[in-house]
């Protein structure tokens, strides 16, 4: 049993290491949000999958249809017009399609200045998988 678990873990880790091998891109609507009580529920720093959001994190929430395309929890993506990589750590309600919400900490003015835009995002669906999310290795 232990050998099988170690083999499965090794397989999962090797799947995580394929960042950049087959990128996907898509044009989506991008908005911004904050972790402020008036914008969320009574736990403003708690994301839908249970991750704690803190100002300074490069995190995004994604619509359910994007999760189905490989932007599941922990996936990394690049957003046109922004520097660096962002991590999917939150989900949006089912009413949204082809949409991301960029986390901007408690900076309400930055979120308002971002507004609502159409942007191109790029990600590698292979950067996440069952073992990556189970063991949080990616």
Protein backbone atom coordinates (compact mmCIF):
# COMPACT_ATOMS: atom_id res chain seq x y z
CA UNK A 1 0.00 0.00 0.00
CA UNK A 2 2.76 2.41 0.95
CA UNK A 3 4.67 1.73 -2.29
CA UNK A 4 1.52 2.38 -4.34
CA UNK A 5 0.95 5.67 -2.54
CA UNK A 6 4.55 6.77 -3.15
CA UNK A 7 4.31 5.83 -6.83
CA UNK A 8 1.08 7.79 -7.20
CA UNK A 9 2.65 10.76 -5.44
CA UNK A 10 5.67 10.66 -7.78
CA UNK A 11 3.34 10.53 -10.79
CA UNK A 12 1.37 13.50 -9.48
CA UNK A 13 4.52 15.53 -8.83
CA UNK A 14 5.82 14.88 -12.32
CA UNK A 15 2.50 16.08 -13.74
CA UNK A 16 2.92 19.29 -11.74
CA UNK A 17 6.34 19.93 -13.21
CA UNK A 18 5.05 20.44 -16.76
CA UNK A 19 4.44 24.18 -16.48
CA UNK A 20 4.74 25.86 -19.85
CA UNK A 21 4.37 22.81 -22.08
CA UNK A 22 0.91 23.49 -23.48
CA UNK A 23 -0.46 26.93 -22.77
CA UNK A 24 -4.04 27.96 -23.33
CA UNK A 25 -5.33 31.46 -23.73
CA UNK A 26 -8.73 33.06 -23.65
CA UNK A 27 -10.26 36.53 -23.64
CA UNK A 28 -12.37 37.08 -20.53
CA UNK A 29 -14.05 39.87 -18.63
CA UNK A 30 -11.91 40.92 -15.66
CA UNK A 31 -13.15 42.80 -12.62
CA UNK A 32 -11.47 43.36 -9.25
CA UNK A 33 -12.48 42.74 -5.67
CA UNK A 34 -11.31 43.38 -2.13
CA UNK A 35 -11.45 41.56 1.17
CA UNK A 36 -13.63 44.12 2.89
CA UNK A 37 -16.70 43.25 4.98
CA UNK A 38 -19.01 45.41 2.85
CA UNK A 39 -17.99 43.47 -0.29
CA UNK A 40 -18.23 39.94 1.13
CA UNK A 41 -19.72 38.07 4.04
CA UNK A 42 -18.61 38.15 7.66
CA UNK A 43 -15.30 36.43 6.76
CA UNK A 44 -13.84 38.75 4.11
CA UNK A 45 -10.41 37.06 3.93
CA UNK A 46 -11.74 33.55 3.41
CA UNK A 47 -11.98 32.37 -0.21
CA UNK A 48 -14.49 29.85 -1.56
CA UNK A 49 -12.07 26.88 -1.40
CA UNK A 50 -11.01 27.77 2.13
CA UNK A 51 -7.82 29.67 1.30
CA UNK A 52 -6.98 32.74 3.37
CA UNK A 53 -6.52 35.87 1.25
CA UNK A 54 -4.18 38.57 2.49
CA UNK A 55 -3.31 41.95 0.96
CA UNK A 56 -0.35 41.62 -1.39
CA UNK A 57 -1.31 38.18 -2.68
CA UNK A 58 -1.64 37.77 -6.43
CA UNK A 59 -4.87 35.83 -6.46
CA UNK A 60 -7.94 35.59 -8.67
CA UNK A 61 -11.43 34.18 -8.49
CA UNK A 62 -12.72 32.42 -11.61
CA UNK A 63 -16.15 31.62 -12.99
CA UNK A 64 -17.21 27.95 -12.92
CA UNK A 65 -16.81 27.49 -16.68
CA UNK A 66 -13.12 28.43 -16.37
CA UNK A 67 -12.63 25.84 -13.64
CA UNK A 68 -13.90 23.27 -16.16
CA UNK A 69 -11.25 24.51 -18.63
CA UNK A 70 -8.42 23.80 -16.20
CA UNK A 71 -8.33 26.94 -14.07
CA UNK A 72 -8.96 24.97 -10.90
CA UNK A 73 -7.75 25.85 -7.42
CA UNK A 74 -4.03 26.60 -7.43
CA UNK A 75 -3.68 27.05 -11.19
CA UNK A 76 -1.33 29.84 -12.20
CA UNK A 77 -2.15 32.32 -14.93
CA UNK A 78 -0.91 35.50 -16.54
CA UNK A 79 -3.25 38.44 -17.08
CA UNK A 80 -2.75 40.86 -19.95
CA UNK A 81 -1.84 44.27 -18.56
CA UNK A 82 -0.56 42.98 -15.21
CA UNK A 83 2.91 41.78 -14.26
CA UNK A 84 3.69 38.35 -12.88
CA UNK A 85 1.62 35.25 -12.30
CA UNK A 86 -1.62 35.06 -10.39
CA UNK A 87 -2.97 32.01 -8.57
CA UNK A 88 -6.57 30.80 -8.69
CA UNK A 89 -7.65 30.75 -5.04
CA UNK A 90 -11.32 31.70 -5.24
CA UNK A 91 -14.48 30.91 -7.21
CA UNK A 92 -17.19 33.18 -8.50
CA UNK A 93 -20.93 32.45 -8.39
CA UNK A 94 -22.44 30.22 -11.08
CA UNK A 95 -24.18 33.17 -12.76
CA UNK A 96 -20.85 34.32 -14.30
CA UNK A 97 -19.22 32.94 -17.46
CA UNK A 98 -15.78 33.70 -18.91
CA UNK A 99 -14.96 35.97 -16.05
CA UNK A 100 -12.16 36.49 -13.54
CA UNK A 101 -12.11 38.68 -10.46
CA UNK A 102 -8.66 39.96 -9.48
CA UNK A 103 -7.94 40.19 -5.77
CA UNK A 104 -6.66 43.62 -4.74
CA UNK A 105 -6.40 43.21 -0.98
CA UNK A 106 -8.05 46.08 0.87
CA UNK A 107 -7.21 48.73 -1.74
CA UNK A 108 -10.71 49.74 -2.79
CA UNK A 109 -9.44 52.55 -5.02
CA UNK A 110 -7.22 50.18 -7.01
CA UNK A 111 -10.17 47.86 -7.56
CA UNK A 112 -12.37 50.75 -8.67
CA UNK A 113 -9.63 52.05 -10.97
CA UNK A 114 -9.36 48.60 -12.59
CA UNK A 115 -13.09 48.59 -13.24
CA UNK A 116 -14.33 46.07 -15.77
CA UNK A 117 -12.14 45.16 -18.74
CA UNK A 118 -11.73 42.54 -21.42
CA UNK A 119 -8.31 40.91 -21.07
CA UNK A 120 -6.42 37.96 -22.46
CA UNK A 121 -5.35 35.36 -19.93
CA UNK A 122 -2.84 32.56 -20.46
CA UNK A 123 -2.39 29.41 -18.38
CA UNK A 124 -1.11 25.88 -18.59
CA UNK A 125 -3.80 23.34 -17.67
CA UNK A 126 -1.07 20.86 -16.70
CA UNK A 127 0.11 23.00 -13.79
CA UNK A 128 -2.53 21.49 -11.54
CA UNK A 129 -3.98 18.10 -11.03
CA UNK A 130 -5.45 15.84 -8.42
CA UNK A 131 -2.16 15.16 -6.65
CA UNK A 132 -1.11 18.80 -6.75
CA UNK A 133 -4.28 19.92 -5.01
CA UNK A 134 -4.27 16.98 -2.61
CA UNK A 135 -0.70 17.50 -1.44
CA UNK A 136 -0.46 21.25 -2.25
CA UNK A 137 2.88 20.67 -3.98
CA UNK A 138 2.49 23.08 -6.92
